């Protein structure tokens, strides 16, 4: 299934949560926090402004990003892959 977001939305694949704490304690699945870092796998064309012009997105496919804990809408494809669909404004930073 190929997904193409509309307007200023992006599709993000969450990166896996840490398996261990900094102190070396292994975390069970139930104790892991929801990941807040992901990779942009698709991006829309941009948002249409009041003047009718399309403002291109700052994010591009392949960017590693940080986003809010409860940002976006979770979806699962027929193949079982999980993604988040969110607006560009929900992204806090790009990881370089």
C-alpha atoms as a PDB file:
ATOM      1  CA  UNK A   1       0.000   0.000   0.000  1.00  0.00           C
ATOM      2  CA  UNK A   2       1.414   3.385  -1.007  1.00  0.00           C
ATOM      3  CA  UNK A   3       0.412   6.381   1.094  1.00  0.00           C
ATOM      4  CA  UNK A   4       0.574   9.984  -0.133  1.00  0.00           C
ATOM      5  CA  UNK A   5      -0.227  12.625   2.501  1.00  0.00           C
ATOM      6  CA  UNK A   6      -2.152  15.735   1.509  1.00  0.00           C
ATOM      7  CA  UNK A   7      -1.318  19.408   2.077  1.00  0.00           C
ATOM      8  CA  UNK A   8       1.009  19.992   5.054  1.00  0.00           C
ATOM      9  CA  UNK A   9       0.853  16.460   6.451  1.00  0.00           C
ATOM     10  CA  UNK A  10       3.691  13.956   6.723  1.00  0.00           C
ATOM     11  CA  UNK A  11       3.847  10.215   7.303  1.00  0.00           C
ATOM     12  CA  UNK A  12       6.296   9.137  10.003  1.00  0.00           C
ATOM     13  CA  UNK A  13       7.690   5.735  10.877  1.00  0.00           C
ATOM     14  CA  UNK A  14       8.451   5.692  14.620  1.00  0.00           C
ATOM     15  CA  UNK A  15      11.896   4.572  15.670  1.00  0.00           C
ATOM     16  CA  UNK A  16      12.041   1.783  18.235  1.00  0.00           C
ATOM     17  CA  UNK A  17      11.977   2.678  21.925  1.00  0.00           C
ATOM     18  CA  UNK A  18      15.090   2.035  23.972  1.00  0.00           C
ATOM     19  CA  UNK A  19      15.493  -1.508  25.312  1.00  0.00           C
ATOM     20  CA  UNK A  20      17.669  -0.406  28.265  1.00  0.00           C
ATOM     21  CA  UNK A  21      17.907   2.563  30.574  1.00  0.00           C
ATOM     22  CA  UNK A  22      21.119   4.573  30.808  1.00  0.00           C
ATOM     23  CA  UNK A  23      21.941   2.561  33.937  1.00  0.00           C
ATOM     24  CA  UNK A  24      21.720  -0.723  31.995  1.00  0.00           C
ATOM     25  CA  UNK A  25      18.340  -1.947  33.253  1.00  0.00           C
ATOM     26  CA  UNK A  26      16.462  -3.923  30.580  1.00  0.00           C
ATOM     27  CA  UNK A  27      12.901  -2.649  30.146  1.00  0.00           C
ATOM     28  CA  UNK A  28       9.952  -4.988  29.494  1.00  0.00           C
ATOM     29  CA  UNK A  29       7.573  -4.058  26.648  1.00  0.00           C
ATOM     30  CA  UNK A  30       4.947  -2.799  29.094  1.00  0.00           C
ATOM     31  CA  UNK A  31       7.349  -0.267  30.647  1.00  0.00           C
ATOM     32  CA  UNK A  32       8.670   1.237  27.414  1.00  0.00           C
ATOM     33  CA  UNK A  33       7.626   4.787  26.674  1.00  0.00           C
ATOM     34  CA  UNK A  34       5.980   5.698  23.412  1.00  0.00           C
ATOM     35  CA  UNK A  35       8.738   6.758  20.987  1.00  0.00           C
ATOM     36  CA  UNK A  36       9.027  10.446  20.170  1.00  0.00           C
ATOM     37  CA  UNK A  37      11.543  10.110  17.376  1.00  0.00           C
ATOM     38  CA  UNK A  38      10.819   8.970  13.859  1.00  0.00           C
ATOM     39  CA  UNK A  39      11.711   9.087  10.194  1.00  0.00           C
ATOM     40  CA  UNK A  40       9.679  10.915   7.537  1.00  0.00           C
ATOM     41  CA  UNK A  41       8.641   8.383   4.871  1.00  0.00           C
ATOM     42  CA  UNK A  42       6.309  10.635   2.831  1.00  0.00           C
ATOM     43  CA  UNK A  43       5.444  14.337   2.710  1.00  0.00           C
ATOM     44  CA  UNK A  44       2.610  16.354   1.201  1.00  0.00           C
ATOM     45  CA  UNK A  45       3.082  19.139  -1.330  1.00  0.00           C
ATOM     46  CA  UNK A  46       2.555  21.955   1.186  1.00  0.00           C
ATOM     47  CA  UNK A  47      -0.108  24.207   2.621  1.00  0.00           C
ATOM     48  CA  UNK A  48      -2.080  26.672   0.513  1.00  0.00           C
ATOM     49  CA  UNK A  49      -1.798  30.160   1.987  1.00  0.00           C
ATOM     50  CA  UNK A  50      -4.391  32.936   2.027  1.00  0.00           C
ATOM     51  CA  UNK A  51      -2.879  34.302  -1.195  1.00  0.00           C
ATOM     52  CA  UNK A  52      -3.515  30.986  -2.980  1.00  0.00           C
ATOM     53  CA  UNK A  53       0.162  30.052  -3.240  1.00  0.00           C
ATOM     54  CA  UNK A  54       1.454  26.698  -1.991  1.00  0.00           C
ATOM     55  CA  UNK A  55       4.058  26.995   0.776  1.00  0.00           C
ATOM     56  CA  UNK A  56       6.389  24.005   0.456  1.00  0.00           C
ATOM     57  CA  UNK A  57       7.166  21.904   3.525  1.00  0.00           C
ATOM     58  CA  UNK A  58      10.474  22.329   5.340  1.00  0.00           C
ATOM     59  CA  UNK A  59      10.634  18.580   6.014  1.00  0.00           C
ATOM     60  CA  UNK A  60      11.599  16.049   3.388  1.00  0.00           C
ATOM     61  CA  UNK A  61      11.567  12.268   3.086  1.00  0.00           C
ATOM     62  CA  UNK A  62      14.378  10.722   5.131  1.00  0.00           C
ATOM     63  CA  UNK A  63      14.527  13.409   7.848  1.00  0.00           C
ATOM     64  CA  UNK A  64      14.814  12.117  11.445  1.00  0.00           C
ATOM     65  CA  UNK A  65      12.468  14.161  13.595  1.00  0.00           C
ATOM     66  CA  UNK A  66      11.336  14.701  17.185  1.00  0.00           C
ATOM     67  CA  UNK A  67       7.616  15.123  17.834  1.00  0.00           C
ATOM     68  CA  UNK A  68       5.157  15.362  20.718  1.00  0.00           C
ATOM     69  CA  UNK A  69       4.262  12.231  22.678  1.00  0.00           C
ATOM     70  CA  UNK A  70       0.618  12.294  21.579  1.00  0.00           C
ATOM     71  CA  UNK A  71       1.067  13.862  18.130  1.00  0.00           C
ATOM     72  CA  UNK A  72      -0.532  12.520  15.007  1.00  0.00           C
ATOM     73  CA  UNK A  73      -2.893   9.686  14.175  1.00  0.00           C
ATOM     74  CA  UNK A  74      -1.651   6.097  14.268  1.00  0.00           C
ATOM     75  CA  UNK A  75      -2.466   3.892  11.279  1.00  0.00           C
ATOM     76  CA  UNK A  76      -1.631   0.304  10.379  1.00  0.00           C
ATOM     77  CA  UNK A  77      -1.378  -0.846   6.760  1.00  0.00           C
ATOM     78  CA  UNK A  78      -2.640  -4.170   5.421  1.00  0.00           C
ATOM     79  CA  UNK A  79       0.969  -5.370   5.543  1.00  0.00           C
ATOM     80  CA  UNK A  80       1.076  -4.687   9.304  1.00  0.00           C
ATOM     81  CA  UNK A  81       3.378  -1.638   9.197  1.00  0.00           C
ATOM     82  CA  UNK A  82       2.589   1.115  11.689  1.00  0.00           C
ATOM     83  CA  UNK A  83       2.843   4.802  10.801  1.00  0.00           C
ATOM     84  CA  UNK A  84       1.848   8.197  12.184  1.00  0.00           C
ATOM     85  CA  UNK A  85       0.156  10.840  10.056  1.00  0.00           C
ATOM     86  CA  UNK A  86       0.728  14.333  11.438  1.00  0.00           C
ATOM     87  CA  UNK A  87       0.911  17.955  10.425  1.00  0.00           C
ATOM     88  CA  UNK A  88       4.303  19.543   9.919  1.00  0.00           C
ATOM     89  CA  UNK A  89       3.570  21.973  12.775  1.00  0.00           C
ATOM     90  CA  UNK A  90       3.513  19.015  15.242  1.00  0.00           C
ATOM     91  CA  UNK A  91       7.229  18.406  14.648  1.00  0.00           C
ATOM     92  CA  UNK A  92       9.557  19.979  17.217  1.00  0.00           C
ATOM     93  CA  UNK A  93      12.960  19.459  15.579  1.00  0.00           C
ATOM     94  CA  UNK A  94      15.009  17.704  12.905  1.00  0.00           C
ATOM     95  CA  UNK A  95      17.812  15.469  14.230  1.00  0.00           C
ATOM     96  CA  UNK A  96      21.080  15.997  12.337  1.00  0.00           C
END
